[in-house]
N, C-alpha and C. Protein backbone atom coordinates (compact mmCIF):
# COMPACT_ATOMS: atom_id res chain seq x y z
N MET A 1 -9.24 -11.41 21.04
CA MET A 1 -8.12 -10.68 20.49
C MET A 1 -6.79 -11.21 21.01
N GLN A 2 -6.81 -12.29 21.74
CA GLN A 2 -5.60 -12.87 22.28
C GLN A 2 -4.74 -13.56 21.22
N TRP A 3 -5.33 -13.87 20.08
CA TRP A 3 -4.63 -14.66 19.08
C TRP A 3 -3.58 -13.86 18.33
N MET A 4 -3.61 -12.54 18.44
CA MET A 4 -2.63 -11.73 17.70
C MET A 4 -1.92 -10.79 18.67
N ALA A 5 -0.65 -10.67 18.47
CA ALA A 5 0.15 -9.78 19.31
C ALA A 5 0.01 -8.36 18.78
N TRP A 6 -0.92 -7.61 19.34
CA TRP A 6 -1.14 -6.24 18.89
C TRP A 6 -0.09 -5.34 19.49
N THR A 7 0.73 -4.79 18.62
CA THR A 7 1.75 -3.84 19.04
C THR A 7 1.42 -2.50 18.38
N TRP A 8 2.10 -1.45 18.82
CA TRP A 8 1.85 -0.15 18.21
C TRP A 8 2.16 -0.12 16.72
N PRO A 9 3.26 -0.74 16.26
CA PRO A 9 3.49 -0.75 14.80
C PRO A 9 2.38 -1.49 14.04
N THR A 10 1.88 -2.59 14.61
CA THR A 10 0.81 -3.33 13.96
C THR A 10 -0.46 -2.50 13.90
N ALA A 11 -0.81 -1.89 15.01
CA ALA A 11 -2.01 -1.05 15.05
C ALA A 11 -1.87 0.14 14.11
N THR A 12 -0.69 0.75 14.08
CA THR A 12 -0.47 1.89 13.19
C THR A 12 -0.64 1.48 11.73
N PHE A 13 -0.12 0.32 11.37
CA PHE A 13 -0.26 -0.17 10.01
C PHE A 13 -1.74 -0.30 9.62
N PHE A 14 -2.52 -0.97 10.46
CA PHE A 14 -3.93 -1.18 10.13
C PHE A 14 -4.72 0.13 10.15
N ILE A 15 -4.37 1.04 11.02
CA ILE A 15 -5.02 2.35 11.02
C ILE A 15 -4.69 3.10 9.73
N CYS A 16 -3.44 3.03 9.30
CA CYS A 16 -3.05 3.70 8.05
C CYS A 16 -3.77 3.12 6.84
N VAL A 17 -3.92 1.80 6.80
CA VAL A 17 -4.66 1.18 5.70
C VAL A 17 -6.12 1.62 5.72
N ALA A 18 -6.73 1.66 6.90
CA ALA A 18 -8.13 2.09 7.01
C ALA A 18 -8.28 3.55 6.58
N VAL A 19 -7.37 4.41 6.99
CA VAL A 19 -7.42 5.82 6.58
C VAL A 19 -7.22 5.94 5.07
N ALA A 20 -6.31 5.16 4.52
CA ALA A 20 -6.08 5.19 3.07
C ALA A 20 -7.33 4.75 2.31
N LEU A 21 -8.01 3.72 2.80
CA LEU A 21 -9.25 3.28 2.14
C LEU A 21 -10.34 4.34 2.24
N LEU A 22 -10.40 5.02 3.37
CA LEU A 22 -11.37 6.11 3.52
C LEU A 22 -11.06 7.24 2.53
N ILE A 23 -9.79 7.59 2.41
CA ILE A 23 -9.39 8.63 1.46
C ILE A 23 -9.71 8.20 0.04
N MET A 24 -9.41 6.94 -0.29
CA MET A 24 -9.70 6.44 -1.64
C MET A 24 -11.20 6.50 -1.93
N THR A 25 -12.02 6.19 -0.95
CA THR A 25 -13.47 6.25 -1.13
C THR A 25 -13.92 7.69 -1.36
N LEU A 26 -13.42 8.61 -0.55
CA LEU A 26 -13.78 10.02 -0.73
C LEU A 26 -13.32 10.55 -2.08
N LEU A 27 -12.11 10.18 -2.50
CA LEU A 27 -11.62 10.61 -3.82
C LEU A 27 -12.51 10.09 -4.94
N GLU A 28 -12.96 8.85 -4.81
CA GLU A 28 -13.80 8.26 -5.85
C GLU A 28 -15.16 8.95 -5.90
N ILE A 29 -15.67 9.36 -4.73
CA ILE A 29 -16.95 10.07 -4.71
C ILE A 29 -16.79 11.47 -5.30
N LEU A 30 -15.73 12.18 -4.91
CA LEU A 30 -15.54 13.55 -5.35
C LEU A 30 -15.04 13.64 -6.79
N TRP A 31 -14.09 12.81 -7.15
CA TRP A 31 -13.50 12.81 -8.49
C TRP A 31 -13.46 11.38 -9.02
N PRO A 32 -14.53 10.94 -9.68
CA PRO A 32 -14.55 9.56 -10.19
C PRO A 32 -13.36 9.29 -11.11
N CYS A 33 -12.82 8.10 -10.97
CA CYS A 33 -11.62 7.70 -11.71
C CYS A 33 -12.00 7.09 -13.05
N THR A 34 -11.19 7.36 -14.04
CA THR A 34 -11.34 6.69 -15.33
C THR A 34 -10.16 5.76 -15.53
N PRO A 35 -10.39 4.57 -16.06
CA PRO A 35 -9.27 3.64 -16.29
C PRO A 35 -8.26 4.25 -17.25
N ARG A 36 -6.98 3.98 -16.97
CA ARG A 36 -5.91 4.49 -17.83
C ARG A 36 -4.74 3.53 -17.83
N ARG A 37 -3.88 3.70 -18.81
CA ARG A 37 -2.67 2.89 -18.92
C ARG A 37 -1.48 3.79 -18.61
N GLY A 38 -0.61 3.32 -17.70
CA GLY A 38 0.57 4.09 -17.34
C GLY A 38 1.80 3.20 -17.39
N LEU A 39 2.58 3.20 -16.32
CA LEU A 39 3.78 2.36 -16.25
C LEU A 39 3.44 0.88 -16.23
N LEU A 40 2.33 0.53 -15.61
CA LEU A 40 1.93 -0.88 -15.54
C LEU A 40 1.44 -1.34 -16.91
N PRO A 41 1.67 -2.61 -17.24
CA PRO A 41 1.31 -3.08 -18.58
C PRO A 41 -0.17 -3.45 -18.73
N LEU A 42 -1.04 -2.82 -17.95
CA LEU A 42 -2.47 -3.08 -18.05
C LEU A 42 -3.22 -1.80 -17.72
N VAL A 43 -4.47 -1.76 -18.12
CA VAL A 43 -5.32 -0.61 -17.83
C VAL A 43 -5.80 -0.74 -16.39
N THR A 44 -5.59 0.33 -15.60
CA THR A 44 -5.93 0.26 -14.18
C THR A 44 -6.71 1.50 -13.76
N THR A 45 -7.43 1.34 -12.65
CA THR A 45 -8.08 2.46 -12.01
C THR A 45 -7.27 2.82 -10.77
N ARG A 46 -7.67 3.86 -10.09
CA ARG A 46 -6.99 4.29 -8.87
C ARG A 46 -7.00 3.15 -7.83
N GLY A 47 -8.13 2.48 -7.68
CA GLY A 47 -8.25 1.38 -6.73
C GLY A 47 -7.37 0.19 -7.09
N ASP A 48 -7.27 -0.12 -8.39
CA ASP A 48 -6.40 -1.20 -8.84
C ASP A 48 -4.95 -0.92 -8.48
N ARG A 49 -4.51 0.32 -8.74
CA ARG A 49 -3.12 0.68 -8.44
C ARG A 49 -2.86 0.64 -6.93
N PHE A 50 -3.84 1.05 -6.14
CA PHE A 50 -3.69 0.99 -4.68
C PHE A 50 -3.57 -0.45 -4.21
N PHE A 51 -4.40 -1.35 -4.74
CA PHE A 51 -4.34 -2.76 -4.38
C PHE A 51 -3.01 -3.38 -4.78
N ILE A 52 -2.55 -3.09 -5.99
CA ILE A 52 -1.26 -3.61 -6.45
C ILE A 52 -0.14 -3.11 -5.55
N THR A 53 -0.20 -1.84 -5.16
CA THR A 53 0.79 -1.27 -4.26
C THR A 53 0.80 -1.99 -2.92
N LEU A 54 -0.39 -2.26 -2.35
CA LEU A 54 -0.47 -2.99 -1.08
C LEU A 54 0.13 -4.39 -1.20
N LEU A 55 -0.17 -5.07 -2.29
CA LEU A 55 0.38 -6.42 -2.48
C LEU A 55 1.91 -6.40 -2.59
N ILE A 56 2.43 -5.52 -3.41
CA ILE A 56 3.88 -5.44 -3.57
C ILE A 56 4.55 -5.08 -2.25
N SER A 57 3.96 -4.15 -1.52
CA SER A 57 4.52 -3.76 -0.22
C SER A 57 4.52 -4.93 0.76
N ALA A 58 3.45 -5.70 0.77
CA ALA A 58 3.39 -6.85 1.66
C ALA A 58 4.48 -7.86 1.31
N PHE A 59 4.66 -8.13 0.02
CA PHE A 59 5.69 -9.09 -0.39
C PHE A 59 7.10 -8.56 -0.10
N LEU A 60 7.31 -7.26 -0.29
CA LEU A 60 8.62 -6.67 0.04
C LEU A 60 8.92 -6.84 1.53
N HIS A 61 7.95 -6.52 2.37
CA HIS A 61 8.15 -6.64 3.82
C HIS A 61 8.36 -8.10 4.23
N ALA A 62 7.54 -8.99 3.71
CA ALA A 62 7.68 -10.41 4.06
C ALA A 62 9.04 -10.95 3.61
N GLY A 63 9.46 -10.58 2.41
CA GLY A 63 10.76 -11.03 1.93
C GLY A 63 11.90 -10.48 2.76
N PHE A 64 11.80 -9.22 3.14
CA PHE A 64 12.84 -8.62 3.96
C PHE A 64 12.90 -9.30 5.33
N LEU A 65 11.74 -9.55 5.92
CA LEU A 65 11.72 -10.20 7.23
C LEU A 65 12.21 -11.65 7.16
N ALA A 66 12.07 -12.26 5.99
CA ALA A 66 12.54 -13.64 5.84
C ALA A 66 14.07 -13.74 5.83
N VAL A 67 14.73 -12.67 5.39
CA VAL A 67 16.18 -12.74 5.25
C VAL A 67 16.93 -11.88 6.26
N SER A 68 16.21 -11.09 7.06
CA SER A 68 16.91 -10.18 7.96
C SER A 68 16.11 -9.98 9.25
N ASN A 69 16.83 -9.66 10.30
CA ASN A 69 16.20 -9.31 11.57
C ASN A 69 16.23 -7.81 11.81
N ALA A 70 16.69 -7.07 10.85
CA ALA A 70 16.81 -5.61 10.98
C ALA A 70 15.43 -4.96 10.97
N PRO A 71 15.31 -3.75 11.51
CA PRO A 71 14.03 -3.04 11.44
C PRO A 71 13.62 -2.79 10.00
N VAL A 72 12.33 -2.69 9.78
CA VAL A 72 11.80 -2.61 8.42
C VAL A 72 11.63 -1.17 7.94
N TYR A 73 12.29 -0.22 8.58
CA TYR A 73 12.12 1.18 8.21
C TYR A 73 12.51 1.45 6.76
N PHE A 74 13.63 0.88 6.32
CA PHE A 74 14.09 1.10 4.94
C PHE A 74 13.08 0.54 3.94
N VAL A 75 12.59 -0.67 4.21
CA VAL A 75 11.62 -1.29 3.30
C VAL A 75 10.31 -0.50 3.31
N SER A 76 9.95 0.04 4.45
CA SER A 76 8.73 0.85 4.53
C SER A 76 8.88 2.12 3.70
N LEU A 77 10.04 2.75 3.75
CA LEU A 77 10.28 3.94 2.93
C LEU A 77 10.27 3.59 1.44
N MET A 78 10.85 2.42 1.11
CA MET A 78 10.80 1.96 -0.28
C MET A 78 9.36 1.75 -0.73
N SER A 79 8.55 1.18 0.14
CA SER A 79 7.15 0.93 -0.19
C SER A 79 6.38 2.23 -0.39
N LEU A 80 6.66 3.22 0.45
CA LEU A 80 6.01 4.52 0.28
C LEU A 80 6.41 5.18 -1.04
N ALA A 81 7.68 5.09 -1.38
CA ALA A 81 8.14 5.64 -2.66
C ALA A 81 7.48 4.90 -3.82
N LEU A 82 7.41 3.58 -3.73
CA LEU A 82 6.76 2.79 -4.76
C LEU A 82 5.28 3.17 -4.87
N ALA A 83 4.63 3.36 -3.74
CA ALA A 83 3.22 3.75 -3.74
C ALA A 83 3.04 5.09 -4.46
N PHE A 84 3.91 6.05 -4.17
CA PHE A 84 3.83 7.34 -4.83
C PHE A 84 3.97 7.19 -6.34
N VAL A 85 4.98 6.44 -6.77
CA VAL A 85 5.23 6.27 -8.21
C VAL A 85 4.05 5.56 -8.88
N LEU A 86 3.57 4.47 -8.28
CA LEU A 86 2.49 3.72 -8.91
C LEU A 86 1.17 4.50 -8.91
N MET A 87 0.89 5.20 -7.85
CA MET A 87 -0.36 5.96 -7.82
C MET A 87 -0.31 7.15 -8.77
N ARG A 88 0.85 7.72 -8.97
CA ARG A 88 0.98 8.89 -9.84
C ARG A 88 1.12 8.50 -11.31
N TRP A 89 2.02 7.57 -11.60
CA TRP A 89 2.33 7.25 -12.99
C TRP A 89 2.01 5.82 -13.38
N GLY A 90 1.54 5.00 -12.46
CA GLY A 90 1.27 3.59 -12.71
C GLY A 90 0.07 3.40 -13.54
């Protein structure tokens, strides 16, 4: 584990992703998802929208870190808002 600098923000991120995947699994077991078309220009399931949200969030954070040394709190809030919109209406 020496190869990665484990900090509390890093650990919190991975714990949140693991908890989100657990919640997504439980939701799929309790209420199976049917593919639907929303804001995105393709038919998606709950898992597809979650994956797209993770990808967009990763690119937003990487882009922000590439151009700024500021804390990523604002981008994280933007990502959470985007996740809400995509999971609800995407």
